[in-house]
Amino acid sequence: MDCLLLRHGIAVERDEWDGADGDRPLTERGKQRVREVGAGLNRLGLQPTHVWSSPLIRAIETAKIVHRSLHLRPAVQVVEALLPDAPPDRLLSILHDLPPESCLLCVGHEPHLGRVASLLLTGKPTQAFPFKKAGACRIELVAPVKPGRGILRWWLTPSQLRDIEEG
């Protein structure tokens, strides 16, 4: 199973937003950058079989933009285990339900995604794996999914993803 972790794009700053934090949307620049990142992911030939997003608006917007860029069929599913304050092992517990040939795209937040990556790769949820906004990684998971058994295939910044050329 492949697990792609993608942080949401650039959102409106907290101090510039009057509503609830969960309702903060992407900026226009953030949307454009996510479209470019989605194009880079598309050039890598990725075809997720499942697309999961945090319930927060900025993550949902990011997931939908990438979904369109990759021309995917599966709908974006909102998953509580991708909330910023969710325990990292909560996501691992629902990965067990996916078929081993799955390719899962998870769109979420920092520091949660970094902790999930750390748990998958090292067995411990540390903050040693931070994601930039619209940055992503691909971790190969062997069934049954267990902490520390993930294999890092790549970790790319948003600019690296945007710069990927047709191959």
Protein backbone atom coordinates (compact mmCIF):
# COMPACT_ATOMS: atom_id res chain seq x y z
CA MET A 1 0.00 0.00 0.00
CA ASP A 2 1.17 3.49 -0.77
CA CYS A 3 0.30 6.30 1.63
CA LEU A 4 0.71 9.85 0.31
CA LEU A 5 0.68 12.51 3.01
CA LEU A 6 0.01 16.06 1.76
CA ARG A 7 -0.20 19.19 3.87
CA HIS A 8 -2.86 21.71 2.93
CA GLY A 9 -1.89 24.77 0.89
CA ILE A 10 -1.42 28.36 2.03
CA ALA A 11 -4.48 29.49 4.00
CA VAL A 12 -5.70 32.88 5.19
CA GLU A 13 -3.68 33.88 8.27
CA ARG A 14 -5.37 33.35 11.65
CA ASP A 15 -5.06 37.02 12.59
CA GLU A 16 -6.73 38.03 9.30
CA TRP A 17 -9.68 35.66 9.78
CA ASP A 18 -12.74 36.49 11.90
CA GLY A 19 -14.45 33.09 11.77
CA ALA A 20 -13.70 29.73 13.29
CA ASP A 21 -10.23 28.33 12.58
CA GLY A 22 -11.72 25.27 10.87
CA ASP A 23 -13.37 27.56 8.32
CA ARG A 24 -10.16 29.33 7.22
CA PRO A 25 -9.91 28.87 3.45
CA LEU A 26 -6.95 28.73 1.11
CA THR A 27 -5.75 32.03 -0.30
CA GLU A 28 -5.80 32.54 -4.07
CA ARG A 29 -2.02 32.06 -4.05
CA GLY A 30 -2.52 28.90 -2.00
CA LYS A 31 -5.03 27.53 -4.52
CA GLN A 32 -2.66 28.24 -7.41
CA ARG A 33 0.27 26.58 -5.64
CA VAL A 34 -1.85 23.51 -4.86
CA ARG A 35 -2.88 23.29 -8.54
CA GLU A 36 0.82 23.34 -9.49
CA VAL A 37 1.63 20.71 -6.84
CA GLY A 38 -1.26 18.60 -8.14
CA ALA A 39 0.20 18.85 -11.65
CA GLY A 40 3.54 17.64 -10.27
CA LEU A 41 1.87 14.72 -8.52
CA ASN A 42 0.10 13.93 -11.78
CA ARG A 43 3.44 13.90 -13.63
CA LEU A 44 4.68 11.34 -11.08
CA GLY A 45 1.91 9.06 -12.35
CA LEU A 46 0.13 8.73 -9.03
CA GLN A 47 -3.41 7.36 -9.08
CA PRO A 48 -4.79 7.23 -5.53
CA THR A 49 -7.59 4.75 -4.97
CA HIS A 50 -8.71 6.64 -1.85
CA VAL A 51 -8.61 10.37 -1.03
CA TRP A 52 -9.05 11.34 2.61
CA SER A 53 -9.15 14.86 4.00
CA SER A 54 -9.27 16.52 7.37
CA PRO A 55 -12.67 18.16 8.00
CA LEU A 56 -11.08 21.64 8.05
CA ILE A 57 -11.94 23.77 5.00
CA ARG A 58 -8.34 24.45 3.93
CA ALA A 59 -7.63 20.71 3.79
CA ILE A 60 -10.87 19.92 1.95
CA GLU A 61 -10.12 22.64 -0.62
CA THR A 62 -6.60 21.24 -1.10
CA ALA A 63 -7.92 17.68 -1.48
CA LYS A 64 -10.51 18.76 -4.08
CA ILE A 65 -7.94 20.69 -6.14
CA VAL A 66 -5.52 17.74 -6.17
CA HIS A 67 -8.43 15.37 -6.87
CA ARG A 68 -9.20 17.37 -10.03
CA SER A 69 -5.52 17.57 -11.02
CA LEU A 70 -5.16 13.79 -10.82
CA HIS A 71 -8.49 13.14 -12.60
CA LEU A 72 -9.56 10.74 -9.86
CA ARG A 73 -12.80 8.81 -9.58
CA PRO A 74 -13.03 8.16 -5.84
CA ALA A 75 -14.73 10.99 -3.98
CA VAL A 76 -12.91 12.92 -1.29
CA GLN A 77 -13.80 11.40 2.09
CA VAL A 78 -13.68 13.54 5.22
CA VAL A 79 -11.84 11.63 7.95
CA GLU A 80 -11.76 12.78 11.57
CA ALA A 81 -8.43 10.95 12.08
CA LEU A 82 -6.79 13.72 10.01
CA LEU A 83 -7.83 16.54 12.35
CA PRO A 84 -4.83 18.52 13.65
CA ASP A 85 -5.25 17.27 17.22
CA ALA A 86 -6.06 13.62 16.41
CA PRO A 87 -3.65 11.04 17.84
CA PRO A 88 -1.38 9.79 15.00
CA ASP A 89 -2.11 6.15 15.78
CA ARG A 90 -5.81 6.78 15.09
CA LEU A 91 -5.05 7.07 11.37
CA LEU A 92 -3.00 3.87 11.45
CA SER A 93 -5.92 1.99 13.00
CA ILE A 94 -8.18 2.76 10.01
CA LEU A 95 -5.50 1.95 7.42
CA HIS A 96 -5.99 -1.73 8.30
CA ASP A 97 -9.36 -1.69 6.54
CA LEU A 98 -7.85 -0.83 3.14
CA PRO A 99 -6.83 -3.46 0.59
CA PRO A 100 -3.03 -3.97 0.37
CA GLU A 101 -2.94 -2.70 -3.26
CA SER A 102 -4.46 0.66 -2.22
CA CYS A 103 -2.90 4.05 -2.87
CA LEU A 104 -4.17 6.47 -0.23
CA LEU A 105 -3.87 10.26 -0.39
CA CYS A 106 -4.27 11.92 3.03
CA VAL A 107 -4.60 15.70 3.19
CA GLY A 108 -4.07 17.24 6.60
CA HIS A 109 -2.13 19.61 8.83
CA GLU A 110 1.09 20.13 10.72
CA PRO A 111 2.27 18.97 13.14
CA HIS A 112 -0.15 16.03 12.84
CA LEU A 113 1.06 14.76 9.43
CA GLY A 114 4.68 14.95 10.56
CA ARG A 115 3.81 12.86 13.61
CA VAL A 116 1.97 10.34 11.43
CA ALA A 117 5.00 10.09 9.11
CA SER A 118 7.29 9.68 12.12
CA LEU A 119 5.09 6.93 13.56
CA LEU A 120 4.98 5.08 10.24
CA LEU A 121 8.73 5.38 9.65
CA THR A 122 10.27 5.17 13.12
CA GLY A 123 7.57 3.75 15.35
CA LYS A 124 7.37 6.92 17.47
CA PRO A 125 5.25 10.06 16.84
CA THR A 126 7.90 12.80 16.99
CA GLN A 127 8.06 16.24 15.37
CA ALA A 128 11.19 15.32 13.40
CA PHE A 129 9.37 15.19 10.03
CA PRO A 130 7.80 18.61 9.36
CA PHE A 131 5.85 19.30 6.15
CA LYS A 132 5.85 22.61 4.30
CA LYS A 133 2.45 23.86 3.13
CA ALA A 134 1.53 21.76 0.06
CA GLY A 135 4.55 19.50 0.66
CA ALA A 136 4.11 15.75 0.40
CA CYS A 137 5.69 12.38 1.01
CA ARG A 138 5.10 8.85 -0.19
CA ILE A 139 5.44 6.04 2.32
CA GLU A 140 5.10 2.40 1.33
CA LEU A 141 3.25 0.33 3.90
CA VAL A 142 3.40 -3.43 4.22
CA ALA A 143 0.30 -5.25 5.50
CA PRO A 144 -0.44 -5.45 8.30
CA VAL A 145 0.28 -1.77 8.88
CA LYS A 146 2.38 -1.35 12.01
CA PRO A 147 4.37 1.57 13.47
CA GLY A 148 7.96 1.76 12.27
CA ARG A 149 7.48 -0.52 9.25
CA GLY A 150 6.86 2.16 6.62
CA ILE A 151 9.40 2.67 3.84
CA LEU A 152 10.01 6.26 2.71
CA ARG A 153 9.91 6.42 -1.09
CA TRP A 154 10.15 10.21 -1.40
CA TRP A 155 9.70 13.44 0.54
CA LEU A 156 9.21 16.53 -1.63
CA THR A 157 8.78 20.22 -0.93
CA PRO A 158 6.09 22.19 -2.77
CA SER A 159 8.69 23.77 -5.07
CA GLN A 160 10.13 20.35 -5.95
CA LEU A 161 6.65 19.04 -6.73
CA ARG A 162 5.89 22.09 -8.89
CA ASP A 163 9.18 21.69 -10.77
CA ILE A 164 8.66 18.04 -11.75
CA GLU A 165 8.78 17.89 -15.53
CA GLU A 166 7.04 15.57 -17.93
CA GLY A 167 9.03 12.38 -18.05
